[in-house]
Protein backbone atom coordinates (compact mmCIF):
# COMPACT_ATOMS: atom_id res chain seq x y z
CA LYS A 1 125.19 105.28 99.43
CA THR A 2 124.06 106.12 95.91
CA GLU A 3 125.07 104.56 92.63
CA GLU A 4 124.57 106.06 89.17
CA VAL A 5 123.28 103.38 86.80
CA THR A 6 122.65 103.01 83.08
CA ILE A 7 120.04 100.53 81.89
CA SER A 8 120.07 99.55 78.23
CA THR A 9 116.78 98.42 76.66
CA PRO A 10 115.81 97.67 73.04
CA GLU A 11 114.07 101.06 72.83
CA ALA A 12 115.99 103.37 75.17
CA THR A 13 118.91 103.89 77.49
CA LEU A 14 117.75 104.82 80.97
CA ALA A 15 119.92 106.80 83.35
CA GLY A 16 119.11 106.56 87.01
CA THR A 17 120.14 106.62 90.64
CA LEU A 18 120.13 103.59 92.92
CA THR A 19 119.93 104.70 96.56
CA TYR A 20 120.75 102.27 99.35
CA PRO A 21 119.56 102.56 102.95
CA VAL A 22 121.67 104.40 105.50
CA GLY A 23 124.24 101.95 106.86
CA TRP A 24 123.75 99.43 104.05
CA LYS A 25 126.61 96.98 103.55
CA GLN A 26 127.42 94.70 100.62
CA GLY A 27 125.60 91.38 101.01
CA GLN A 28 122.73 92.84 103.03
CA LYS A 29 119.37 92.30 101.29
CA VAL A 30 116.81 95.08 101.62
CA PRO A 31 113.48 95.99 99.93
CA LEU A 32 113.73 98.04 96.72
CA ALA A 33 111.12 100.43 95.37
CA VAL A 34 111.44 101.31 91.67
CA MET A 35 109.79 104.67 91.04
CA ALA A 36 107.41 105.59 88.21
CA THR A 37 106.67 109.24 87.44
CA GLY A 38 103.38 110.84 86.48
CA SER A 39 102.35 112.00 83.02
CA GLY A 40 104.65 114.27 81.03
CA GLN A 41 108.38 113.80 80.66
CA GLU A 42 110.07 114.18 84.03
CA ASN A 43 113.49 113.57 85.46
CA ARG A 44 114.33 110.98 88.09
CA ASN A 45 113.31 113.35 90.89
CA GLU A 46 109.88 113.85 89.29
CA GLU A 47 110.78 117.53 89.41
CA ILE A 48 107.66 119.66 89.09
CA PHE A 49 106.68 123.14 90.28
CA ARG A 50 110.10 123.57 91.98
CA HIS A 51 109.51 120.40 94.00
CA LYS A 52 111.42 117.10 93.78
CA PRO A 53 109.05 114.56 95.37
CA PHE A 54 110.93 111.43 94.26
CA LEU A 55 114.18 112.78 95.71
CA VAL A 56 112.41 113.44 99.01
CA ILE A 57 110.82 109.96 99.00
CA ALA A 58 114.15 108.27 98.16
CA ASP A 59 115.88 110.14 100.98
CA PHE A 60 113.18 109.27 103.53
CA LEU A 61 113.09 105.60 102.56
CA ALA A 62 116.90 105.37 102.72
CA ARG A 63 116.66 106.54 106.33
CA ASN A 64 114.14 103.78 106.97
CA GLY A 65 115.85 100.71 105.53
CA ILE A 66 114.45 100.80 101.97
CA ALA A 67 116.42 101.14 98.72
CA THR A 68 115.07 102.98 95.66
CA LEU A 69 115.79 103.11 91.94
CA ARG A 70 114.61 106.20 90.11
CA CYS A 71 115.33 106.92 86.44
CA ASP A 72 114.97 109.87 84.11
CA ASP A 73 112.02 109.28 81.79
CA ARG A 74 113.05 108.39 78.23
CA GLY A 75 114.18 111.50 76.37
CA VAL A 76 114.86 113.42 79.60
CA GLY A 77 118.15 114.10 81.40
CA GLY A 78 120.53 111.23 80.80
CA SER A 79 117.93 108.93 79.23
CA THR A 80 117.43 108.43 75.50
CA GLY A 81 114.58 107.00 73.44
CA ASP A 82 111.65 107.95 71.25
CA VAL A 83 109.11 110.04 73.13
CA ALA A 84 106.93 111.33 70.29
CA ASN A 85 105.49 107.88 69.56
CA ALA A 86 105.67 106.44 73.08
CA THR A 87 102.62 105.55 75.18
CA THR A 88 101.99 104.56 78.78
CA PHE A 89 102.63 100.97 77.73
CA ASP A 90 106.10 101.90 76.41
CA PHE A 91 106.90 103.61 79.70
CA ALA A 92 105.73 100.43 81.46
CA LYS A 93 108.24 98.47 79.35
CA ASP A 94 110.98 100.88 80.45
CA LEU A 95 110.09 100.32 84.09
CA SER A 96 109.96 96.57 83.51
CA HIS A 97 113.54 96.68 82.21
CA ALA A 98 114.58 98.67 85.30
CA ILE A 99 113.04 95.96 87.50
CA ASP A 100 114.86 93.25 85.52
CA TYR A 101 118.12 95.17 86.01
CA ALA A 102 117.53 95.33 89.77
CA CYS A 103 116.66 91.63 89.92
CA LYS A 104 119.94 90.69 88.27
CA LEU A 105 121.89 92.58 90.93
CA GLY A 106 120.63 90.08 93.50
CA ARG A 107 120.83 92.62 96.33
CA PHE A 108 117.17 92.98 97.25
CA SER A 109 114.77 90.98 99.41
CA SER A 110 111.77 92.26 97.45
CA ILE A 111 111.21 94.58 94.49
CA GLY A 112 108.13 96.72 94.04
CA VAL A 113 107.00 99.98 92.48
CA ILE A 114 106.06 103.36 93.84
CA GLY A 115 104.04 104.98 91.06
CA HIS A 116 102.58 108.49 91.14
CA SER A 117 99.54 109.37 89.01
CA GLU A 118 100.20 107.79 85.57
CA GLY A 119 102.97 105.91 87.38
CA GLY A 120 100.19 104.19 89.33
CA ASP A 121 98.77 102.94 86.01
CA ILE A 122 102.23 101.68 85.09
CA GLY A 123 102.47 99.93 88.44
CA PHE A 124 99.19 98.10 87.90
CA ILE A 125 100.21 97.14 84.35
CA LEU A 126 103.33 95.47 85.77
CA GLY A 127 101.41 94.11 88.75
CA ALA A 128 99.09 92.33 86.33
CA GLN A 129 102.17 90.83 84.67
CA LYS A 130 103.28 89.45 88.07
CA LYS A 131 106.47 91.51 87.98
CA LEU A 132 106.10 93.03 91.46
CA ASP A 133 106.38 92.00 95.08
CA PHE A 134 104.45 95.13 96.12
CA LEU A 135 102.93 98.31 94.70
CA VAL A 136 102.38 101.76 96.16
CA SER A 137 99.90 103.64 93.97
CA MET A 138 100.05 107.35 94.80
CA ALA A 139 97.00 109.06 93.28
CA GLY A 140 96.88 106.31 90.68
CA PRO A 141 93.77 105.94 88.51
CA GLY A 142 91.14 103.35 89.33
CA ILE A 143 88.55 104.39 86.74
CA PRO A 144 88.89 104.80 82.93
CA MET A 145 91.14 107.65 81.87
CA ASP A 146 88.45 109.45 79.87
CA SER A 147 86.35 109.55 83.04
CA ILE A 148 89.26 111.08 84.96
CA LEU A 149 89.79 113.76 82.30
CA TYR A 150 86.04 114.46 82.24
CA LEU A 151 86.05 115.02 86.02
CA GLN A 152 89.11 117.28 85.68
CA ASN A 153 87.22 119.42 83.16
CA VAL A 154 84.12 119.55 85.33
CA ASN A 155 86.22 120.74 88.26
CA ALA A 156 88.00 123.40 86.19
CA VAL A 157 84.74 124.76 84.78
CA LYS A 158 83.14 124.86 88.24
CA GLN A 159 86.12 126.83 89.52
CA MET A 160 85.39 129.45 86.87
CA GLY A 161 81.74 129.58 87.88
CA LEU A 162 80.55 128.29 84.51
CA PRO A 163 77.90 125.64 83.80
CA THR A 164 79.05 122.04 83.31
CA ASN A 165 76.71 121.33 80.42
CA PHE A 166 79.01 118.98 78.51
CA THR A 167 79.45 115.21 78.33
CA LYS A 168 82.39 112.85 78.57
CA GLU A 169 82.18 112.41 74.79
CA ASP A 170 82.44 116.19 74.36
CA VAL A 171 85.62 116.17 76.42
CA ARG A 172 87.07 113.23 74.48
CA LYS A 173 86.46 114.96 71.16
CA LYS A 174 87.94 118.25 72.35
CA ILE A 175 91.07 116.54 73.62
CA MET A 176 91.52 114.38 70.53
CA ASP A 177 91.09 117.40 68.24
CA SER A 178 93.79 119.31 70.13
CA ASP A 179 96.20 116.42 70.83
CA PRO A 180 95.92 113.30 68.63
CA SER A 181 99.36 112.03 69.74
CA PRO A 182 99.92 108.28 70.24
CA TRP A 183 100.32 108.86 73.98
CA MET A 184 97.01 110.73 74.30
CA VAL A 185 95.09 108.21 72.15
CA ALA A 186 96.33 105.31 74.30
CA PHE A 187 95.84 107.30 77.51
CA LEU A 188 92.25 108.28 76.71
CA ASN A 189 91.31 104.70 75.85
CA TYR A 190 92.94 103.00 78.82
CA ASP A 191 90.74 101.37 81.44
CA PRO A 192 92.84 100.16 84.40
CA SER A 193 90.20 97.78 85.76
CA HIS A 194 91.60 94.63 84.10
CA ASP A 195 95.12 95.30 85.38
CA ILE A 196 93.92 96.14 88.88
CA LYS A 197 91.90 92.90 89.02
CA ALA A 198 94.97 90.93 87.93
CA THR A 199 97.34 92.51 90.49
CA SER A 200 97.70 89.96 93.26
CA CYS A 201 100.71 91.43 95.09
CA PRO A 202 100.12 93.62 98.17
CA VAL A 203 98.96 97.12 97.17
CA MET A 204 99.00 100.39 99.08
CA ALA A 205 96.62 102.71 97.19
CA ILE A 206 96.56 106.26 98.56
CA ASN A 207 95.27 109.67 97.60
CA GLY A 208 94.58 113.09 99.02
CA ASP A 209 90.91 114.02 99.44
CA LYS A 210 91.56 117.44 97.85
CA ASP A 211 93.08 115.97 94.68
CA VAL A 212 91.34 117.57 91.67
CA GLN A 213 93.44 115.76 89.05
CA VAL A 214 92.69 112.18 90.10
CA GLU A 215 89.73 112.50 92.45
CA ALA A 216 90.18 110.38 95.54
CA ALA A 217 86.70 108.94 96.12
CA PRO A 218 85.84 107.46 92.70
CA ASN A 219 89.36 106.17 92.07
CA LEU A 220 90.09 104.71 95.50
CA ASN A 221 86.62 103.15 95.67
CA ALA A 222 87.18 101.48 92.31
CA ILE A 223 90.62 100.20 93.30
CA LYS A 224 89.26 98.84 96.58
CA GLU A 225 86.43 97.04 94.77
CA LEU A 226 88.62 95.65 91.97
CA LEU A 227 91.69 94.51 93.92
CA PRO A 228 91.94 90.80 94.71
CA ALA A 229 91.51 90.06 98.41
CA ASN A 230 94.84 90.49 100.20
CA LYS A 231 95.07 91.18 103.92
CA ARG A 232 98.28 93.15 103.35
CA SER A 233 96.69 95.60 100.89
CA ILE A 234 95.41 98.97 102.13
CA VAL A 235 93.42 101.80 100.54
CA LYS A 236 93.61 105.19 102.26
CA SER A 237 92.47 108.76 101.63
CA TYR A 238 94.36 111.55 103.40
CA PRO A 239 92.37 114.62 104.52
CA GLY A 240 93.57 117.98 103.23
CA LEU A 241 96.14 116.70 100.72
CA ASN A 242 96.32 117.46 96.99
CA HIS A 243 97.55 115.47 93.98
CA LEU A 244 101.17 115.90 95.11
CA PHE A 245 100.28 114.91 98.69
CA GLN A 246 100.88 118.43 99.98
CA HIS A 247 98.71 120.03 102.63
CA CYS A 248 96.70 122.61 100.72
CA GLN A 249 93.73 124.97 100.70
CA THR A 250 91.87 124.19 97.47
CA GLY A 251 93.80 121.35 95.83
CA GLN A 252 94.07 123.33 92.60
CA PRO A 253 97.33 122.90 90.60
CA ALA A 254 97.98 126.66 90.80
CA GLU A 255 98.74 126.16 94.51
CA TYR A 256 101.46 123.54 94.08
CA ILE A 257 104.35 125.91 93.45
CA ASN A 258 103.54 128.15 96.41
CA ILE A 259 103.34 125.36 99.02
CA GLU A 260 106.63 124.92 100.89
CA GLU A 261 105.95 121.28 101.75
CA THR A 262 106.94 118.79 99.02
CA ILE A 263 105.09 115.78 100.44
CA SER A 264 103.30 115.07 103.70
CA GLU A 265 105.50 113.48 106.37
CA GLU A 266 102.54 111.27 107.37
CA VAL A 267 102.44 109.81 103.87
CA LEU A 268 106.20 109.20 103.87
CA ALA A 269 106.02 107.49 107.26
CA ASP A 270 103.05 105.34 106.23
CA MET A 271 104.79 104.19 103.03
CA ALA A 272 107.97 103.24 104.88
CA LYS A 273 106.07 101.41 107.63
CA TRP A 274 103.94 99.50 105.10
CA ILE A 275 106.85 98.41 102.89
CA ASN A 276 108.91 97.37 105.92
CA GLY A 277 105.93 95.38 107.22
CA LEU A 278 105.91 93.17 104.12
CA LYS A 279 108.13 90.22 104.99
CA TYR A 280 109.58 88.14 102.16
């Protein structure tokens, strides 16, 4: 069962799809995962490189007893709102309103977030605000954003066989000169450590070890070190997977579109098992 929803906020109108588990009946309370896309304006399916990962995740979770709410980003599809001046923190407000909407329905035993990439940042921002019962951070940052972009540039330059004789400050200046938008300024200056430290709900932080956009080792290690102790939290790196959690050869973004797989079945199964294991 799916339900098209419209969520009105002071800054935007969000259009989305609420998907209930297979066999769900009115009055039955089930877990709900509200989904947060990565950077760039994307629709509710997080459609990218001919793949629709959020649609695939919603379908898999519905077959495993978990509801989902996924919305078009503001300014995309059926959603309205100012994008030009919006930052990660504005997108976090949008997701917060989606969570409030779901809470008012009174149909869910727990409400958490599945956030991919920048969506992981958004999840930790809301986790720090005590808005969540759980969080799945898929390739979410654990180190400052300027460090992530520096590592991205190092990787790209190495791929071209060129020397990496530049600093993080060089990268910051180059990016700011080419894109001084409000989103980029806020993004470059964001350090997720405070929000990760303040997130006390159970967290599943995962990444692929071939991710070249948000490198697994430095980010997962930081998340593991910063997270408050919680026996239900897990941090896991998946061998051979890229930023989209596809099995890949190099992990480079150029591969994404040519890989038939949208998302690893092992990752889907692990997410469903973990969320269902959280009893509220």
